[in-house]
Each structure stands twice: as C-alpha cells, then as structure tokens.
Amino acid sequence: MTELPPLLLARDRILHGLRPNELARRVKAGSLVRVRRGVYTDGASWRKLYPWEQYRLRIQAAAETFEAPTVFARHSAASVWGIPTVGLHHPVQALTLKNDGGRSRAGVSRHYADPSGLTVVRREGLLVTGRIRTVLDLAAFTPFTSAAAPLDHVLKPDQTMRLRALSKDELEAGIGSAYSSAAQGRIRAAIAFADPLSGSAGESYSRALMHVAGFEPPVLQHAIHDADGLVGYTDFYWKKARVVGEFDGVAKYIKPEFLKGRTPSQAVVDEKNRENRARALGFNVVRWDWSELMEPGVLERKLAAGGVPRRRTRSGNFDALKAP
C-alpha cells in the first residue's frame, strides 16, 4: 500500500508555527488540501493518491477528530483491511451501539450494531470490524453485484496484508443472528457465487454483472496455448462460443506484481500480442475497462455482440411446447 501523507490538525497549528489565517491561505494556494473540517494534508501528495487511497486518508482524518473511540465498518473497514470494493464516493462508515436507527453527520454514516457477538479488531491504529463481519456487512447492505469483489478477495490469501484465505464455511458460520432473514438470504447468495479464482475487483464485478444479465458462467483463468506455447490465462472463457473476455484494469499496467519488471508501455504491447495470438487461434476477444463497467448496459451489449451465450431458461425451451 502507498504510504499516506501525514495529517495536519487545525488545533495543532500553533505547534507548527502557523497563524490563524495561514491554513486557509495555503488551501487557496493549493499547497494544502482540507480532508475534512479541521484536518489538512499536503496538496501535492494528496493529488498523487488514487481515489481509494484518498478515501483511506479520509477515514484516518475522521478518526483524528472523534473524541470517543469509534469502530469503522463496511466500506471503511474494508479500506483498512485492504479489501477491494466497488465505487469511489462512499462516506466514511462507522458503527453506533445505540439502537437509535443510526445517523449521519459531518460526512460520516453510522450504522447500528448489536454489541453482543461483535468482533472488533485494532488495525493500523483504528478500530474496525473483523474481516468476516466486514465482508458479510457488505454482502448484506450493498447490491449483489458489489458484494462479489470483497467476498472473492477474502477467499484467497492476501499477500500484501499477510492475511490467510477465509473459507466459505467460515463466512457462513459468521452470519449468526446478526442479520435479518432477508439480509441472510442476500449474504448466502453472494457467498455461493463467490470464487477465489477471480483475479481482481474489476473481474469480480464483471462476473457479477454477467450473472445478473443472464449470461452463461465463464471459466476463469483458462490457459490458452498455441504452437509457440502458452499464450496466457484468460480472465473469462466460453468454450463452446470460443469467446475470450478480458477486463483491462489499471493494475496490470502500473502495479509491480503485474508488470514483473516491464515498463507500462511494454505491458501494453505484450497484452496486444497476447490478444493477437488468441485471435489467430479463432477466438473472439472482447475487452472492457472500468469506465465501461460503470456505464449501465455497456458490458451486456459488448458481450452479446461478441457472441457470449445466455443461460437457457424454461421459457426458451422449444421442447416444452411439444409436451402433451
């Protein structure tokens, strides 16, 4: 994870030798950015952060301004755990142990949680819900398509955070009595769909959108070979239709674990060569990126145009018409 820039609290300005109007002047000049009321950070460093890193700093800034210890939950707990989520504009989310319906104030959404059976962990100096509770909350309170990425992620070891893989049995056992029957149904459906073979949050979100749109489930991480050897592992593969699906996330062009010593431009060339070799074998290659994923209907239209088959339904079974 990128090292986050330090925070400057307005209440500590005297310690830094700043006059009362100095913070506002520096914000106007761009040398400081106000993360939340009373909390600032270096402007140049802030602008270099990815949106999800800026969100993580907003969580830290909120913690600095709370007088009482606070347990962060849902998207905020996921951020601290390094669990990917879908979307960029989530509020900071925390728990309240008072059953008053929860409340939102100063950019922080609070959600009621029964303290009995609640596991709280201190991580990176913050109190957060445990990994299991975090992903179960996301499965319970976000759309099915958004729940896939967190669940897929925790089913495999997290090398960056040095965390072991969780099992579906552990996730099921964590449901307990903390959720309504409707929420339990949503959680179990999301757990059943989860797959550790998913390579990224974008692939997980893509797969969930495919499922909701009624496409046949793809094979994940399928190896393709030609006369020269291994072409590569596809993100998605439909054997009968001879269609390959590839999600173009930013990670494969910027993160060291994907670049493997190559420059970003070399990675782009290698990806194009891999696609050409796949097409030479007779595969139709369909590609998409985050911007297309976030535009409703775009992925569905691309897959349909690319020849990805739909799941057979009873209403589409001609033999049923001939039944006596």
Protein backbone atom coordinates (compact mmCIF):
# COMPACT_ATOMS: atom_id res chain seq x y z
CA MET A 1 0.00 0.00 0.00
CA THR A 2 1.17 3.53 -0.78
CA GLU A 3 2.42 5.39 2.28
CA LEU A 4 -0.18 8.02 3.07
CA PRO A 5 0.87 11.64 3.70
CA PRO A 6 0.68 12.92 7.29
CA LEU A 7 -2.28 14.91 8.52
CA LEU A 8 -2.18 18.42 9.92
CA LEU A 9 -4.85 19.20 12.50
CA ALA A 10 -6.03 22.78 12.81
CA ARG A 11 -5.93 22.51 16.59
CA ASP A 12 -2.18 21.86 16.33
CA ARG A 13 -1.37 24.81 14.07
CA ILE A 14 0.45 26.64 16.85
CA LEU A 15 2.86 23.72 17.18
CA HIS A 16 3.75 24.24 13.52
CA GLY A 17 4.12 28.00 13.84
CA LEU A 18 1.08 28.79 11.69
CA ARG A 19 -1.02 31.94 12.08
CA PRO A 20 -4.85 31.70 12.28
CA ASN A 21 -5.39 32.55 8.61
CA GLU A 22 -2.37 30.60 7.34
CA LEU A 23 -4.27 27.31 6.79
CA ALA A 24 -6.94 28.97 4.64
CA ARG A 25 -4.27 30.81 2.63
CA ARG A 26 -2.38 27.59 1.93
CA VAL A 27 -5.57 25.75 0.93
CA LYS A 28 -6.39 28.55 -1.53
CA ALA A 29 -2.88 28.30 -2.95
CA GLY A 30 -3.14 24.52 -3.29
CA SER A 31 -0.24 23.66 -1.04
CA LEU A 32 -2.69 22.20 1.48
CA VAL A 33 -5.92 20.25 0.98
CA ARG A 34 -8.70 20.15 3.56
CA VAL A 35 -9.53 16.47 4.02
CA ARG A 36 -12.37 17.24 6.42
CA ARG A 37 -13.19 20.06 8.82
CA GLY A 38 -10.14 20.80 10.90
CA VAL A 39 -7.87 18.30 9.13
CA TYR A 40 -5.46 19.06 6.28
CA THR A 41 -2.74 17.34 4.28
CA ASP A 42 -0.09 18.23 1.73
CA GLY A 43 -1.76 19.22 -1.54
CA ALA A 44 0.83 17.75 -3.92
CA SER A 45 0.84 14.42 -2.07
CA TRP A 46 -2.97 14.28 -1.99
CA ARG A 47 -3.23 14.80 -5.75
CA LYS A 48 -0.88 11.86 -6.38
CA LEU A 49 -3.11 9.46 -4.46
CA TYR A 50 -5.59 7.17 -6.17
CA PRO A 51 -9.24 7.73 -5.15
CA TRP A 52 -9.24 4.68 -2.89
CA GLU A 53 -6.11 5.99 -1.16
CA GLN A 54 -7.74 9.38 -0.66
CA TYR A 55 -10.70 7.55 0.89
CA ARG A 56 -8.38 5.74 3.30
CA LEU A 57 -6.90 9.10 4.36
CA ARG A 58 -10.42 10.47 4.91
CA ILE A 59 -11.03 7.60 7.34
CA GLN A 60 -7.85 8.46 9.21
CA ALA A 61 -8.86 12.12 9.28
CA ALA A 62 -12.26 11.24 10.75
CA ALA A 63 -10.62 9.15 13.46
CA GLU A 64 -8.43 12.11 14.40
CA THR A 65 -11.47 14.31 15.04
CA PHE A 66 -13.62 11.88 17.05
CA GLU A 67 -13.49 12.34 20.81
CA ALA A 68 -14.72 8.81 21.65
CA PRO A 69 -13.27 5.55 20.29
CA THR A 70 -15.03 4.65 17.04
CA VAL A 71 -15.44 1.34 15.25
CA PHE A 72 -15.25 1.71 11.47
CA ALA A 73 -17.36 -0.65 9.36
CA ARG A 74 -18.49 -1.64 5.85
CA HIS A 75 -16.52 0.20 3.13
CA SER A 76 -14.32 1.97 5.69
CA ALA A 77 -13.35 -1.25 7.46
CA ALA A 78 -12.74 -2.85 4.06
CA SER A 79 -10.38 0.00 3.18
CA VAL A 80 -8.35 -0.58 6.34
CA TRP A 81 -8.25 -4.35 5.70
CA GLY A 82 -7.19 -3.81 2.06
CA ILE A 83 -10.40 -5.44 0.81
CA PRO A 84 -11.46 -4.01 -2.58
CA THR A 85 -14.92 -2.52 -3.00
CA VAL A 86 -16.83 -1.10 -5.96
CA GLY A 87 -17.37 2.65 -6.27
CA LEU A 88 -15.37 5.74 -5.37
CA HIS A 89 -17.62 8.06 -3.40
CA HIS A 90 -18.56 6.20 -0.25
CA PRO A 91 -19.00 8.09 3.00
CA VAL A 92 -16.84 7.22 5.97
CA GLN A 93 -18.82 4.50 7.75
CA ALA A 94 -18.80 3.66 11.44
CA LEU A 95 -20.90 1.79 13.99
CA THR A 96 -23.13 3.02 16.75
CA LEU A 97 -24.01 0.66 19.57
CA LYS A 98 -27.16 2.63 20.41
CA ASN A 99 -30.27 1.32 18.67
CA ASP A 100 -31.48 4.72 17.53
CA GLY A 101 -31.57 3.98 13.82
CA GLY A 102 -28.09 5.29 13.14
CA ARG A 103 -27.27 8.78 11.98
CA SER A 104 -25.10 10.65 9.53
CA ARG A 105 -23.13 13.75 10.39
CA ALA A 106 -20.06 15.57 9.06
CA GLY A 107 -19.50 13.11 6.23
CA VAL A 108 -19.74 10.02 8.46
CA SER A 109 -22.57 7.47 8.22
CA ARG A 110 -23.23 5.48 11.38
CA HIS A 111 -25.00 2.11 11.45
CA TYR A 112 -26.40 0.31 14.46
CA ALA A 113 -24.76 -2.95 15.51
CA ASP A 114 -25.69 -5.18 18.42
CA PRO A 115 -22.56 -5.33 20.58
CA SER A 116 -23.19 -8.95 21.55
CA GLY A 117 -21.04 -11.20 19.38
CA LEU A 118 -19.43 -8.23 17.62
CA THR A 119 -15.73 -8.77 16.89
CA VAL A 120 -13.66 -5.59 16.82
CA VAL A 121 -10.00 -5.51 15.77
CA ARG A 122 -7.39 -2.77 16.13
CA ARG A 123 -5.61 -2.39 12.80
CA GLU A 124 -3.27 0.41 11.71
CA GLY A 125 -4.27 2.24 14.88
CA LEU A 126 -8.00 2.12 14.07
CA LEU A 127 -10.85 0.04 15.48
CA VAL A 128 -12.58 -1.90 12.70
CA THR A 129 -14.98 -4.79 12.35
CA GLY A 130 -13.29 -8.16 11.78
CA ARG A 131 -12.67 -9.36 8.24
CA ILE A 132 -15.61 -11.77 8.28
CA ARG A 133 -18.07 -9.22 9.65
CA THR A 134 -16.80 -6.62 7.19
CA VAL A 135 -17.46 -8.67 4.05
CA LEU A 136 -20.75 -10.03 5.42
CA ASP A 137 -21.95 -6.48 6.07
CA LEU A 138 -21.07 -5.54 2.50
CA ALA A 139 -22.94 -8.59 1.20
CA ALA A 140 -25.95 -7.71 3.35
CA PHE A 141 -26.17 -4.00 2.64
CA THR A 142 -24.79 -3.46 -0.88
CA PRO A 143 -26.12 -4.77 -4.22
CA PHE A 144 -25.28 -8.35 -5.21
CA THR A 145 -23.00 -7.09 -7.97
CA SER A 146 -20.95 -5.05 -5.49
CA ALA A 147 -20.68 -7.87 -2.94
CA ALA A 148 -18.71 -10.18 -5.26
CA ALA A 149 -15.39 -8.32 -5.13
CA PRO A 150 -14.96 -8.31 -1.32
CA LEU A 151 -16.00 -11.95 -0.99
CA ASP A 152 -13.81 -13.16 -3.87
CA HIS A 153 -10.89 -11.32 -2.31
CA VAL A 154 -11.05 -12.88 1.16
CA LEU A 155 -11.35 -16.41 -0.26
CA LYS A 156 -7.66 -16.25 -1.25
CA PRO A 157 -4.55 -15.28 0.72
CA ASP A 158 -3.78 -11.57 0.79
CA GLN A 159 -0.02 -11.45 0.24
CA THR A 160 0.19 -7.67 0.67
CA MET A 161 -1.58 -7.67 4.03
CA ARG A 162 -0.19 -11.09 5.00
CA LEU A 163 -3.64 -12.49 5.70
CA ARG A 164 -4.75 -16.07 5.19
CA ALA A 165 -7.64 -17.08 2.98
CA LEU A 166 -11.06 -17.44 4.57
CA SER A 167 -13.33 -20.37 3.69
CA LYS A 168 -16.98 -20.27 2.69
CA ASP A 169 -17.76 -22.34 5.78
CA GLU A 170 -16.19 -19.62 7.96
CA LEU A 171 -18.22 -16.96 6.21
CA GLU A 172 -21.44 -18.95 6.63
CA ALA A 173 -20.69 -19.51 10.31
CA GLY A 174 -20.17 -15.78 10.78
CA ILE A 175 -23.75 -14.92 9.78
CA GLY A 176 -25.17 -15.98 13.14
CA SER A 177 -28.13 -13.94 14.31
CA ALA A 178 -26.72 -10.50 13.49
CA TYR A 179 -28.83 -10.08 10.33
CA SER A 180 -32.48 -10.18 9.33
CA SER A 181 -33.74 -13.17 7.36
CA ALA A 182 -33.76 -11.08 4.18
CA ALA A 183 -30.17 -9.97 4.75
CA GLN A 184 -29.13 -13.55 5.48
CA GLY A 185 -30.58 -14.59 2.13
CA ARG A 186 -28.58 -11.91 0.33
CA ILE A 187 -25.41 -12.92 2.14
CA ARG A 188 -25.80 -16.64 1.36
CA ALA A 189 -26.49 -15.94 -2.33
CA ALA A 190 -23.35 -13.79 -2.52
CA ILE A 191 -21.22 -16.40 -0.71
CA ALA A 192 -22.44 -19.16 -3.03
CA PHE A 193 -21.46 -17.06 -6.05
CA ALA A 194 -18.02 -16.05 -4.72
CA ASP A 195 -14.96 -17.52 -6.44
CA PRO A 196 -11.30 -17.18 -5.36
CA LEU A 197 -10.16 -17.58 -8.99
CA SER A 198 -11.25 -14.02 -9.72
CA GLY A 199 -8.11 -12.01 -10.41
CA SER A 200 -9.24 -8.51 -9.39
CA ALA A 201 -12.14 -6.42 -8.16
CA GLY A 202 -12.94 -5.48 -11.75
CA GLU A 203 -13.11 -9.13 -12.77
CA SER A 204 -15.38 -9.89 -9.80
CA TYR A 205 -17.71 -7.02 -10.63
CA SER A 206 -17.73 -8.05 -14.31
CA ARG A 207 -18.63 -11.63 -13.41
CA ALA A 208 -21.48 -10.49 -11.18
CA LEU A 209 -22.85 -8.22 -13.92
CA MET A 210 -22.68 -11.16 -16.35
CA HIS A 211 -24.63 -13.32 -13.92
CA VAL A 212 -27.35 -10.73 -13.36
CA ALA A 213 -27.63 -10.18 -17.13
CA GLY A 214 -28.23 -13.91 -17.67
CA PHE A 215 -25.05 -14.93 -19.49
CA GLU A 216 -23.63 -18.42 -19.18
CA PRO A 217 -20.99 -18.57 -16.45
CA PRO A 218 -17.46 -18.28 -17.84
CA VAL A 219 -14.44 -20.38 -16.98
CA LEU A 220 -11.97 -18.26 -15.01
CA GLN A 221 -8.20 -18.14 -15.59
CA HIS A 222 -8.27 -20.60 -18.51
CA ALA A 223 -4.90 -21.37 -20.11
CA ILE A 224 -4.63 -20.93 -23.89
CA HIS A 225 -1.76 -22.46 -25.90
CA ASP A 226 -0.62 -22.18 -29.49
CA ALA A 227 2.28 -23.71 -31.43
CA ASP A 228 4.72 -21.43 -29.59
CA GLY A 229 3.49 -22.44 -26.14
CA LEU A 230 1.42 -20.68 -23.51
CA VAL A 231 -0.45 -17.65 -24.84
CA GLY A 232 -1.73 -16.70 -21.40
CA TYR A 233 -4.50 -17.11 -18.88
CA THR A 234 -7.80 -15.52 -19.86
CA ASP A 235 -9.92 -13.58 -17.41
CA PHE A 236 -13.08 -15.19 -18.84
CA TYR A 237 -13.57 -18.04 -21.29
CA TRP A 238 -16.62 -19.53 -23.00
CA LYS A 239 -15.52 -22.79 -24.65
CA LYS A 240 -18.45 -23.55 -26.99
CA ALA A 241 -18.73 -19.98 -28.20
CA ARG A 242 -14.92 -19.67 -28.49
CA VAL A 243 -15.06 -16.26 -26.81
CA VAL A 244 -12.44 -14.80 -24.50
CA GLY A 245 -13.28 -11.92 -22.16
CA GLU A 246 -10.58 -9.58 -20.85
CA PHE A 247 -11.00 -6.88 -18.21
CA ASP A 248 -8.49 -4.06 -18.60
CA GLY A 249 -7.89 -2.80 -15.10
CA VAL A 250 -5.30 -0.18 -14.25
CA ALA A 251 -3.43 -2.64 -12.01
CA LYS A 252 -1.95 -4.72 -14.82
CA TYR A 253 -0.25 -1.63 -16.24
CA ILE A 254 1.02 0.02 -13.04
CA LYS A 255 1.47 -2.49 -10.20
CA PRO A 256 4.89 -4.18 -9.87
CA GLU A 257 3.37 -7.63 -9.24
CA PHE A 258 1.71 -7.45 -12.66
CA LEU A 259 4.46 -5.61 -14.55
CA LYS A 260 7.16 -8.10 -13.43
CA GLY A 261 10.00 -5.77 -14.35
CA ARG A 262 8.40 -4.39 -17.51
CA THR A 263 7.54 -0.78 -18.22
CA PRO A 264 3.84 0.12 -18.58
CA SER A 265 4.33 0.56 -22.34
CA GLN A 266 5.90 -2.89 -22.61
CA ALA A 267 2.93 -4.33 -20.71
CA VAL A 268 0.54 -2.75 -23.23
CA VAL A 269 2.49 -4.23 -26.16
CA ASP A 270 2.61 -7.67 -24.51
CA GLU A 271 -1.13 -7.55 -23.91
CA LYS A 272 -1.77 -6.69 -27.56
CA ASN A 273 0.47 -9.53 -28.74
CA ARG A 274 -1.33 -11.94 -26.46
CA GLU A 275 -4.67 -10.84 -27.90
CA ASN A 276 -3.40 -11.28 -31.48
CA ARG A 277 -2.23 -14.82 -30.71
CA ALA A 278 -5.63 -15.66 -29.21
CA ARG A 279 -7.45 -14.26 -32.25
CA ALA A 280 -5.17 -16.30 -34.54
CA LEU A 281 -6.47 -19.42 -32.81
CA GLY A 282 -10.02 -18.49 -33.76
CA PHE A 283 -11.12 -16.90 -30.50
CA ASN A 284 -13.21 -13.75 -30.44
CA VAL A 285 -11.69 -11.44 -27.82
CA VAL A 286 -13.98 -8.98 -26.02
CA ARG A 287 -12.30 -6.30 -23.87
CA TRP A 288 -13.66 -3.71 -21.46
CA ASP A 289 -12.44 -1.39 -18.71
CA TRP A 290 -13.74 0.28 -15.54
CA SER A 291 -15.40 3.16 -17.37
CA GLU A 292 -17.46 0.69 -19.41
CA LEU A 293 -18.29 -1.38 -16.34
CA MET A 294 -19.68 1.66 -14.56
CA GLU A 295 -21.91 2.63 -17.50
CA PRO A 296 -25.17 0.61 -17.20
CA GLY A 297 -25.73 -1.84 -20.03
CA VAL A 298 -22.39 -1.37 -21.81
CA LEU A 299 -20.83 -4.69 -20.74
CA GLU A 300 -24.03 -6.58 -21.53
CA ARG A 301 -24.15 -5.15 -25.05
CA LYS A 302 -20.45 -5.88 -25.68
CA LEU A 303 -20.76 -9.49 -24.55
CA ALA A 304 -23.92 -10.08 -26.56
CA ALA A 305 -22.30 -8.58 -29.67
CA GLY A 306 -19.23 -10.74 -29.05
CA GLY A 307 -21.26 -13.95 -29.10
CA VAL A 308 -21.34 -14.82 -25.38
CA PRO A 309 -24.31 -17.17 -24.89
CA ARG A 310 -27.13 -16.66 -22.44
CA ARG A 311 -28.27 -19.22 -19.90
CA ARG A 312 -31.10 -21.42 -21.19
CA THR A 313 -34.42 -20.69 -19.48
CA ARG A 314 -37.64 -22.69 -19.33
CA SER A 315 -39.45 -20.09 -21.40
CA GLY A 316 -36.83 -20.55 -24.11
CA ASN A 317 -37.10 -24.36 -24.28
CA PHE A 318 -38.86 -25.29 -27.54
CA ASP A 319 -39.35 -28.91 -26.40
CA ALA A 320 -41.69 -27.68 -23.67
CA LEU A 321 -44.11 -26.51 -26.37
CA LYS A 322 -44.42 -30.08 -27.69
CA ALA A 323 -45.30 -31.58 -24.31
CA PRO A 324 -48.81 -33.13 -24.19
